[in-house]
Amino acid sequence: MKATRLLVTVLGLIVIAGIGYGLFRLFTFAPDFQMPEAPPPTVIVARPVIQAVDESYDFTGTTVAVEQVDIRARVQGFLEKIHFVEGSRVKCGDPLFEIERTSYQAMRDQAEAQLRSRQAEVVRTRLDLERVEQAIKTNAVSQQEVTTRRAQRDQAEAQVVAAEAALKQADLDLGYTRIVAPIDGRISRRYVDAGNLVGAGQQTLLATVVRLQPVYVHFYVSEGFLIEKLGAGSFDGRSTRPFFVARENEPDFSHRGVLNYMDNRVDEGTGTILLRGELPNADEAFLPGMFFRVRVPVGTQADAICVYDRALGTDIGGKFLLLVDEDGVVHRRPVETGRPVGQMRVITSGLSPDEKYILKGMQFVFPGAKVNAVLEGQIPPVPADSNVPHTGPAQE
């Protein structure tokens, strides 16, 4: 056993020594020997596209009803009838609710009777005054009697005025028992069921009617945007500046409206100001309280630099592009981006028109690496309207 182990050890040493001697000979007597290098990876690069782009800014807005009316009980009583279907459209003057009217009809009849009584009293006092005025000419009555009769007549006439006012109030209360729609719009659900006492100590909320055609869109912009892009001094209620909105599930800003209001002060806490636009909403698809993306065009940029959106990378420092210089070396370039234009995006700073960026194959390279850059074919300009899809060649 010991002899075998010794033999194996000696043979191992001989093999190791042979390998070491071979390597020594190789590097000592073949100084020009070099390990073969792997070829650089091939990437597809493109140059930025220079084109005219509509300059616009995006915000988040909410819809607000042009008109909204709370339907409330103005008199106390039991709710007897409900005349509408919840969620339906109503027109101005349509009956909505009925409150018991028996007691209010009785009070109205009593007020009318009181008025007639007061009117009769006026007739009597006037006749009495005429008689004493004739009698005083013959000294049949004293001047004091005339003065008394005249005061009684004035008092009766004043009571007629009070009775007329009471009758008008009774008519109003009786009219309040029948509640009609004050505007055209869509009505909410009923908040109180028939048979409940309403108007007891407060004006009970019964339903809400909102007008949905048109609809307002409210959104806030910064003070700087207002001054630099819109021109605060030239904005008033007669503005015809357009704006566009898109729902959460809509890629395009296909709904057009007109800005018609700017608030009269800037919020000191946020540095923003409220703008309001009006949308037609002919199909009533926009309901109050919805959130929308709002786009406000402010002009046209004649020579915007555009790159494919998918060529942009994102890390903790923001957006960047991988550029390839004339020596085929990859460089990381931070850029600032603007609005999307079809499948491309505007680069506002950080990129020159004559530089080349990696469009395809960026996952196989890193900054500082050498690559074999193949220039992509001429990319046709994308129309400035972002709603027009890009029709250029597929890149992946």
Protein backbone atom coordinates (compact mmCIF):
# COMPACT_ATOMS: atom_id res chain seq x y z
CA MET A 1 0.00 0.00 0.00
CA LYS A 2 2.71 2.47 0.94
CA ALA A 3 4.66 1.62 -2.22
CA THR A 4 1.58 2.20 -4.37
CA ARG A 5 0.87 5.59 -2.80
CA LEU A 6 4.45 6.63 -3.27
CA LEU A 7 4.32 5.63 -6.94
CA VAL A 8 1.13 7.61 -7.54
CA THR A 9 2.61 10.68 -5.84
CA VAL A 10 5.77 10.53 -7.93
CA LEU A 11 3.79 10.19 -11.17
CA GLY A 12 1.61 13.19 -10.21
CA LEU A 13 4.62 15.34 -9.57
CA ILE A 14 6.10 14.36 -12.91
CA VAL A 15 2.87 15.34 -14.74
CA ILE A 16 2.63 18.70 -12.98
CA ALA A 17 6.27 19.43 -13.70
CA GLY A 18 5.73 18.57 -17.35
CA ILE A 19 2.78 20.90 -17.68
CA GLY A 20 4.66 23.73 -15.96
CA TYR A 21 7.66 23.27 -18.23
CA GLY A 22 5.43 23.32 -21.29
CA LEU A 23 3.78 26.57 -20.28
CA PHE A 24 7.15 28.10 -19.48
CA ARG A 25 8.42 27.19 -22.95
CA LEU A 26 5.28 28.51 -24.54
CA PHE A 27 5.38 32.02 -23.03
CA THR A 28 9.17 32.25 -23.04
CA PHE A 29 9.84 31.30 -26.63
CA ALA A 30 6.50 32.49 -28.24
CA PRO A 31 6.13 36.15 -27.12
CA ASP A 32 3.80 37.01 -30.01
CA PHE A 33 1.12 34.54 -28.91
CA GLN A 34 -2.33 36.13 -28.12
CA MET A 35 -5.59 34.59 -27.06
CA PRO A 36 -8.30 34.97 -29.77
CA GLU A 37 -10.77 37.83 -29.02
CA ALA A 38 -14.55 37.42 -29.32
CA PRO A 39 -16.14 39.65 -32.00
CA PRO A 40 -18.07 42.69 -30.67
CA PRO A 41 -21.86 42.30 -30.53
CA THR A 42 -23.90 43.78 -33.35
CA VAL A 43 -26.54 46.40 -32.50
CA ILE A 44 -29.00 48.35 -34.61
CA VAL A 45 -28.62 52.11 -34.24
CA ALA A 46 -30.69 55.02 -35.53
CA ARG A 47 -30.41 58.76 -35.77
CA PRO A 48 -33.02 61.08 -34.24
CA VAL A 49 -35.84 62.30 -36.44
CA ILE A 50 -36.26 66.08 -36.71
CA GLN A 51 -39.87 67.14 -37.31
CA ALA A 52 -42.54 69.65 -36.37
CA VAL A 53 -44.47 68.62 -33.26
CA ASP A 54 -47.43 70.25 -31.60
CA GLU A 55 -46.23 71.39 -28.18
CA SER A 56 -48.67 70.52 -25.41
CA TYR A 57 -48.81 69.79 -21.70
CA ASP A 58 -50.74 67.09 -19.88
CA PHE A 59 -52.64 67.39 -16.60
CA THR A 60 -55.13 65.45 -14.53
CA GLY A 61 -58.67 66.81 -14.33
CA THR A 62 -62.10 65.95 -12.98
CA THR A 63 -65.53 66.47 -14.49
CA VAL A 64 -68.04 68.78 -12.81
CA ALA A 65 -71.72 69.23 -13.65
CA VAL A 66 -72.64 72.50 -15.34
CA GLU A 67 -75.75 72.65 -13.15
CA GLN A 68 -76.63 70.62 -10.07
CA VAL A 69 -79.73 71.14 -7.93
CA ASP A 70 -80.56 69.47 -4.62
CA ILE A 71 -84.29 68.69 -4.36
CA ARG A 72 -85.41 69.44 -0.79
CA ALA A 73 -88.68 69.45 1.11
CA ARG A 74 -89.57 73.09 1.91
CA VAL A 75 -92.64 72.26 3.99
CA GLN A 76 -93.27 69.64 6.66
CA GLY A 77 -95.46 66.64 5.97
CA PHE A 78 -95.62 63.00 5.02
CA LEU A 79 -94.20 62.10 1.60
CA GLU A 80 -97.13 60.68 -0.35
CA LYS A 81 -96.01 60.11 -3.95
CA ILE A 82 -92.84 59.71 -6.03
CA HIS A 83 -93.32 60.30 -9.76
CA PHE A 84 -89.93 59.53 -11.34
CA VAL A 85 -87.76 56.53 -12.18
CA GLU A 86 -84.43 56.65 -10.40
CA GLY A 87 -81.55 57.56 -12.70
CA SER A 88 -83.83 58.70 -15.52
CA ARG A 89 -83.75 61.97 -17.47
CA VAL A 90 -86.21 64.62 -16.39
CA LYS A 91 -87.27 67.91 -17.92
CA CYS A 92 -87.85 71.21 -16.20
CA GLY A 93 -91.37 71.17 -14.72
CA ASP A 94 -91.76 67.38 -14.53
CA PRO A 95 -93.45 66.28 -11.25
CA LEU A 96 -91.09 64.53 -8.84
CA PHE A 97 -92.62 64.33 -5.33
CA GLU A 98 -95.89 65.06 -3.53
CA ILE A 99 -96.17 65.90 0.15
CA GLU A 100 -99.55 65.62 1.90
CA ARG A 101 -101.42 68.77 1.00
CA THR A 102 -104.69 68.48 2.96
CA SER A 103 -103.60 70.63 5.88
CA TYR A 104 -101.96 73.20 3.59
CA GLN A 105 -105.12 73.40 1.47
CA ALA A 106 -107.09 74.06 4.63
CA MET A 107 -104.68 76.79 5.72
CA ARG A 108 -104.92 78.33 2.29
CA ASP A 109 -108.74 78.34 2.42
CA GLN A 110 -108.60 79.87 5.89
CA ALA A 111 -106.28 82.61 4.68
CA GLU A 112 -108.59 83.36 1.77
CA ALA A 113 -111.55 83.59 4.09
CA GLN A 114 -109.63 85.90 6.39
CA LEU A 115 -108.82 88.13 3.44
CA ARG A 116 -112.45 88.37 2.44
CA SER A 117 -113.39 89.25 6.01
CA ARG A 118 -110.78 92.01 6.08
CA GLN A 119 -111.96 93.34 2.74
CA ALA A 120 -115.53 93.50 4.05
CA GLU A 121 -114.30 95.35 7.11
CA VAL A 122 -112.65 97.90 4.83
CA VAL A 123 -115.95 98.51 3.05
CA ARG A 124 -117.74 99.03 6.37
CA THR A 125 -115.17 101.42 7.80
CA ARG A 126 -115.16 103.47 4.61
CA LEU A 127 -118.94 103.87 4.73
CA ASP A 128 -118.79 104.83 8.41
CA LEU A 129 -116.14 107.43 7.62
CA GLU A 130 -118.27 108.90 4.83
CA ARG A 131 -121.27 109.26 7.16
CA VAL A 132 -119.35 111.07 9.92
CA GLU A 133 -117.67 113.32 7.35
CA GLN A 134 -121.15 114.37 6.17
CA ALA A 135 -122.40 114.73 9.74
CA ILE A 136 -119.56 116.98 10.82
CA LYS A 137 -120.65 119.54 8.25
CA THR A 138 -123.79 120.11 10.33
CA ASN A 139 -121.92 119.75 13.64
CA ALA A 140 -123.86 116.53 14.33
CA VAL A 141 -120.64 114.77 15.40
CA SER A 142 -117.37 115.92 16.85
CA GLN A 143 -114.03 116.10 15.10
CA GLN A 144 -112.84 113.35 17.41
CA GLU A 145 -115.42 110.99 15.92
CA VAL A 146 -114.15 111.71 12.41
CA THR A 147 -110.58 111.03 13.47
CA THR A 148 -111.60 107.73 15.08
CA ARG A 149 -113.48 106.55 11.98
CA ARG A 150 -110.56 107.45 9.74
CA ALA A 151 -108.16 105.45 11.94
CA GLN A 152 -110.53 102.46 11.83
CA ARG A 153 -110.56 102.64 8.04
CA ASP A 154 -106.75 102.77 7.84
CA GLN A 155 -106.46 99.89 10.25
CA ALA A 156 -108.89 97.78 8.18
CA GLU A 157 -106.95 98.49 5.00
CA ALA A 158 -103.70 97.47 6.71
CA GLN A 159 -105.33 94.24 7.84
CA VAL A 160 -106.28 93.55 4.23
CA VAL A 161 -102.64 93.89 3.21
CA ALA A 162 -101.63 91.47 5.97
CA ALA A 163 -104.34 89.03 4.93
CA GLU A 164 -103.18 89.18 1.30
CA ALA A 165 -99.62 88.39 2.41
CA ALA A 166 -100.88 85.47 4.51
CA LEU A 167 -102.81 84.14 1.50
CA LYS A 168 -99.70 84.39 -0.67
CA GLN A 169 -97.68 82.47 1.92
CA ALA A 170 -100.42 79.85 2.14
CA ASP A 171 -100.37 79.52 -1.65
CA LEU A 172 -96.60 79.09 -1.57
CA ASP A 173 -96.76 76.42 1.14
CA LEU A 174 -99.46 74.61 -0.79
CA GLY A 175 -97.35 74.81 -3.95
CA TYR A 176 -94.33 73.40 -2.12
CA THR A 177 -96.26 70.17 -1.52
CA ARG A 178 -95.84 69.40 -5.23
CA ILE A 179 -92.17 69.34 -6.16
CA VAL A 180 -91.17 69.57 -9.83
CA ALA A 181 -87.81 69.37 -11.64
CA PRO A 182 -86.13 72.81 -11.65
CA ILE A 183 -83.81 71.99 -14.61
CA ASP A 184 -83.36 69.48 -17.40
CA GLY A 185 -81.00 66.68 -16.44
CA ARG A 186 -80.61 63.25 -14.92
CA ILE A 187 -82.07 62.57 -11.49
CA SER A 188 -80.43 60.52 -8.77
CA ARG A 189 -82.02 57.82 -6.66
CA ARG A 190 -84.61 58.88 -4.09
CA TYR A 191 -83.11 59.49 -0.66
CA VAL A 192 -86.44 59.19 1.20
CA ASP A 193 -89.20 56.64 0.64
CA ALA A 194 -92.89 57.44 0.49
CA GLY A 195 -94.58 57.48 3.88
CA ASN A 196 -91.75 59.20 5.73
CA LEU A 197 -92.08 62.54 7.48
CA VAL A 198 -90.00 65.17 5.69
CA GLY A 199 -89.23 68.81 6.37
CA ALA A 200 -89.49 68.42 10.13
CA GLY A 201 -87.01 70.96 11.53
CA GLN A 202 -84.90 70.90 8.36
CA GLN A 203 -85.26 70.90 4.60
CA THR A 204 -84.94 67.18 3.91
CA LEU A 205 -82.83 66.23 0.87
CA LEU A 206 -85.04 64.11 -1.42
CA ALA A 207 -82.96 63.74 -4.63
CA THR A 208 -80.44 65.51 -6.86
CA VAL A 209 -80.75 66.59 -10.50
CA VAL A 210 -77.63 67.25 -12.56
CA ARG A 211 -77.31 68.66 -16.05
CA LEU A 212 -74.88 66.60 -18.14
CA GLN A 213 -74.88 68.50 -21.45
CA PRO A 214 -72.36 70.06 -21.57
CA VAL A 215 -69.99 69.13 -18.74
CA TYR A 216 -67.13 71.06 -17.14
CA VAL A 217 -63.57 69.78 -16.66
CA HIS A 218 -61.59 71.29 -13.78
CA PHE A 219 -57.81 71.00 -13.57
CA TYR A 220 -54.94 72.90 -11.94
CA VAL A 221 -51.86 74.32 -13.65
CA SER A 222 -48.72 75.86 -12.20
CA GLU A 223 -48.19 79.59 -12.02
CA GLY A 224 -45.20 79.28 -14.36
CA PHE A 225 -47.19 77.41 -17.01
CA LEU A 226 -49.93 80.01 -16.85
CA ILE A 227 -47.56 82.93 -17.36
CA GLU A 228 -45.15 81.38 -19.87
CA LYS A 229 -47.47 79.25 -22.00
CA LEU A 230 -51.02 80.59 -21.72
CA GLY A 231 -50.49 84.26 -20.97
CA ALA A 232 -52.44 85.13 -17.84
CA GLY A 233 -53.24 88.64 -18.99
CA SER A 234 -54.96 87.53 -22.20
CA PHE A 235 -57.16 84.80 -20.71
CA ASP A 236 -60.80 85.64 -20.01
CA GLY A 237 -64.26 84.11 -20.18
CA ARG A 238 -64.41 84.61 -23.97
CA SER A 239 -61.40 82.36 -24.58
CA THR A 240 -61.63 79.92 -27.48
CA ARG A 241 -58.44 78.03 -26.65
CA PRO A 242 -59.03 74.31 -27.24
CA PHE A 243 -58.11 71.44 -24.96
CA PHE A 244 -58.42 67.66 -25.23
CA VAL A 245 -59.24 64.91 -22.77
CA ALA A 246 -58.91 61.12 -22.64
CA ARG A 247 -60.35 58.54 -20.30
CA GLU A 248 -58.16 56.15 -18.35
CA ASN A 249 -58.69 53.40 -20.94
CA GLU A 250 -58.25 55.62 -24.00
CA PRO A 251 -54.80 56.01 -25.60
CA ASP A 252 -55.79 59.07 -27.63
CA PHE A 253 -57.02 62.51 -26.63
CA SER A 254 -60.04 62.36 -28.91
CA HIS A 255 -62.50 64.54 -26.96
CA ARG A 256 -62.23 68.25 -27.73
CA GLY A 257 -63.45 71.13 -25.60
CA VAL A 258 -62.86 74.85 -25.06
CA LEU A 259 -61.27 76.54 -22.05
CA ASN A 260 -63.71 79.14 -20.74
CA TYR A 261 -62.67 80.05 -17.20
CA MET A 262 -59.60 80.83 -15.11
CA ASP A 263 -59.78 81.42 -11.38
CA ASN A 264 -59.04 84.93 -10.14
CA ARG A 265 -56.28 83.95 -7.70
CA VAL A 266 -53.36 81.55 -7.33
CA ASP A 267 -53.41 79.14 -4.42
CA GLU A 268 -50.64 80.35 -2.10
CA GLY A 269 -50.10 76.89 -0.64
CA THR A 270 -49.65 74.98 -3.91
CA GLY A 271 -48.73 77.69 -6.40
CA THR A 272 -51.42 76.46 -8.78
CA ILE A 273 -54.51 78.01 -10.33
CA LEU A 274 -57.80 76.45 -11.42
CA LEU A 275 -58.69 76.28 -15.11
CA ARG A 276 -62.05 75.12 -16.42
CA GLY A 277 -63.00 73.77 -19.82
CA GLU A 278 -66.32 72.82 -21.34
CA LEU A 279 -67.02 69.56 -23.21
CA PRO A 280 -70.16 68.98 -25.33
CA ASN A 281 -70.90 65.51 -23.85
CA ALA A 282 -73.69 64.87 -26.34
CA ASP A 283 -73.93 61.17 -25.42
CA GLU A 284 -73.70 61.91 -21.66
CA ALA A 285 -70.78 59.49 -21.35
CA PHE A 286 -68.97 61.84 -18.95
CA LEU A 287 -70.38 61.89 -15.44
CA PRO A 288 -69.47 64.38 -12.70
CA GLY A 289 -66.56 63.24 -10.58
CA MET A 290 -64.69 61.28 -13.27
CA PHE A 291 -60.92 61.62 -13.58
CA PHE A 292 -59.45 62.42 -17.01
CA ARG A 293 -56.13 63.11 -18.63
CA VAL A 294 -56.16 66.66 -19.97
CA ARG A 295 -53.94 67.93 -22.79
CA VAL A 296 -53.54 71.65 -23.47
CA PRO A 297 -51.78 72.59 -26.75
CA VAL A 298 -49.65 75.72 -26.49
CA GLY A 299 -48.00 75.94 -29.92
CA THR A 300 -45.82 74.07 -32.42
CA GLN A 301 -42.14 73.13 -32.09
CA ALA A 302 -40.72 73.23 -35.62
CA ASP A 303 -37.53 71.19 -35.07
CA ALA A 304 -38.30 68.70 -32.33
CA ILE A 305 -35.83 65.83 -31.81
CA CYS A 306 -37.70 62.51 -31.70
CA VAL A 307 -36.51 58.98 -30.89
CA TYR A 308 -38.29 55.68 -30.59
CA ASP A 309 -39.88 55.42 -27.18
CA ARG A 310 -38.70 51.84 -26.66
CA ALA A 311 -35.06 52.91 -27.04
CA LEU A 312 -35.30 54.85 -23.79
CA GLY A 313 -34.08 53.27 -20.60
CA THR A 314 -35.09 54.20 -17.07
CA ASP A 315 -33.14 54.00 -13.83
CA ILE A 316 -32.98 55.89 -10.57
CA GLY A 317 -31.43 58.86 -12.38
CA GLY A 318 -34.30 59.13 -14.87
CA LYS A 319 -34.48 58.49 -18.61
CA PHE A 320 -31.37 57.68 -20.67
CA LEU A 321 -30.24 56.51 -24.11
CA LEU A 322 -27.32 54.28 -25.07
CA LEU A 323 -25.29 56.10 -27.75
CA VAL A 324 -22.57 54.73 -30.03
CA ASP A 325 -19.70 57.04 -31.00
CA GLU A 326 -17.56 56.95 -34.16
CA ASP A 327 -15.22 54.39 -32.56
CA GLY A 328 -18.08 52.00 -31.83
CA VAL A 329 -17.97 52.59 -28.07
CA VAL A 330 -21.23 52.63 -26.09
CA HIS A 331 -22.01 55.66 -23.87
CA ARG A 332 -24.87 56.23 -21.48
CA ARG A 333 -26.56 59.62 -22.02
CA PRO A 334 -29.18 61.05 -19.59
CA VAL A 335 -31.95 62.84 -21.48
CA GLU A 336 -35.09 64.79 -20.69
CA THR A 337 -38.22 63.70 -22.50
CA GLY A 338 -41.33 65.50 -23.71
CA ARG A 339 -44.65 64.34 -25.07
CA PRO A 340 -45.14 61.08 -27.01
CA VAL A 341 -45.72 61.30 -30.75
CA GLY A 342 -47.05 58.01 -32.05
CA GLN A 343 -44.40 55.37 -31.25
CA MET A 344 -41.77 58.05 -30.70
CA ARG A 345 -41.06 60.59 -27.99
CA VAL A 346 -39.72 64.12 -28.05
CA ILE A 347 -36.30 64.63 -26.46
CA THR A 348 -36.15 68.11 -24.94
CA SER A 349 -32.48 68.02 -23.91
CA GLY A 350 -29.45 65.74 -23.86
CA LEU A 351 -29.31 64.59 -27.50
CA SER A 352 -27.96 66.09 -30.74
CA PRO A 353 -29.49 65.40 -34.18
CA ASP A 354 -26.26 63.88 -35.54
CA GLU A 355 -25.77 61.33 -32.76
CA LYS A 356 -26.69 57.65 -33.01
CA TYR A 357 -28.62 55.76 -30.36
CA ILE A 358 -29.06 52.02 -29.93
CA LEU A 359 -32.47 50.91 -31.12
CA LYS A 360 -32.11 47.15 -30.97
CA GLY A 361 -29.74 44.92 -29.02
CA MET A 362 -29.20 47.19 -26.02
CA GLN A 363 -29.71 44.28 -23.64
CA PHE A 364 -26.42 42.75 -24.77
CA VAL A 365 -24.19 45.78 -24.22
CA PHE A 366 -23.10 48.13 -21.45
CA PRO A 367 -21.44 51.58 -21.29
CA GLY A 368 -17.81 51.38 -22.38
CA ALA A 369 -18.26 48.25 -24.49
CA LYS A 370 -17.34 48.14 -28.18
CA VAL A 371 -20.07 47.18 -30.61
CA ASN A 372 -20.61 46.67 -34.29
CA ALA A 373 -23.17 49.39 -35.08
CA VAL A 374 -25.51 48.83 -38.03
CA LEU A 375 -27.47 51.92 -39.03
CA GLU A 376 -31.21 51.44 -39.29
CA GLY A 377 -32.89 52.51 -42.52
CA GLN A 378 -34.32 56.00 -42.77
CA ILE A 379 -37.22 56.28 -40.32
CA PRO A 380 -40.16 58.17 -41.83
CA PRO A 381 -41.29 61.16 -39.74
CA VAL A 382 -44.32 60.59 -37.55
CA PRO A 383 -47.18 63.10 -37.96
CA ALA A 384 -47.33 65.69 -35.19
CA ASP A 385 -50.81 64.49 -34.26
CA SER A 386 -50.20 61.79 -31.66
CA ASN A 387 -53.50 60.16 -32.57
CA VAL A 388 -52.03 59.01 -35.93
CA PRO A 389 -50.34 55.61 -35.46
CA HIS A 390 -46.75 55.13 -36.65
CA THR A 391 -46.52 53.22 -39.93
CA GLY A 392 -42.75 52.75 -40.10
CA PRO A 393 -41.00 49.36 -40.24
CA ALA A 394 -41.31 47.08 -37.24
CA GLN A 395 -38.13 47.04 -35.20
CA GLU A 396 -38.62 43.89 -33.21
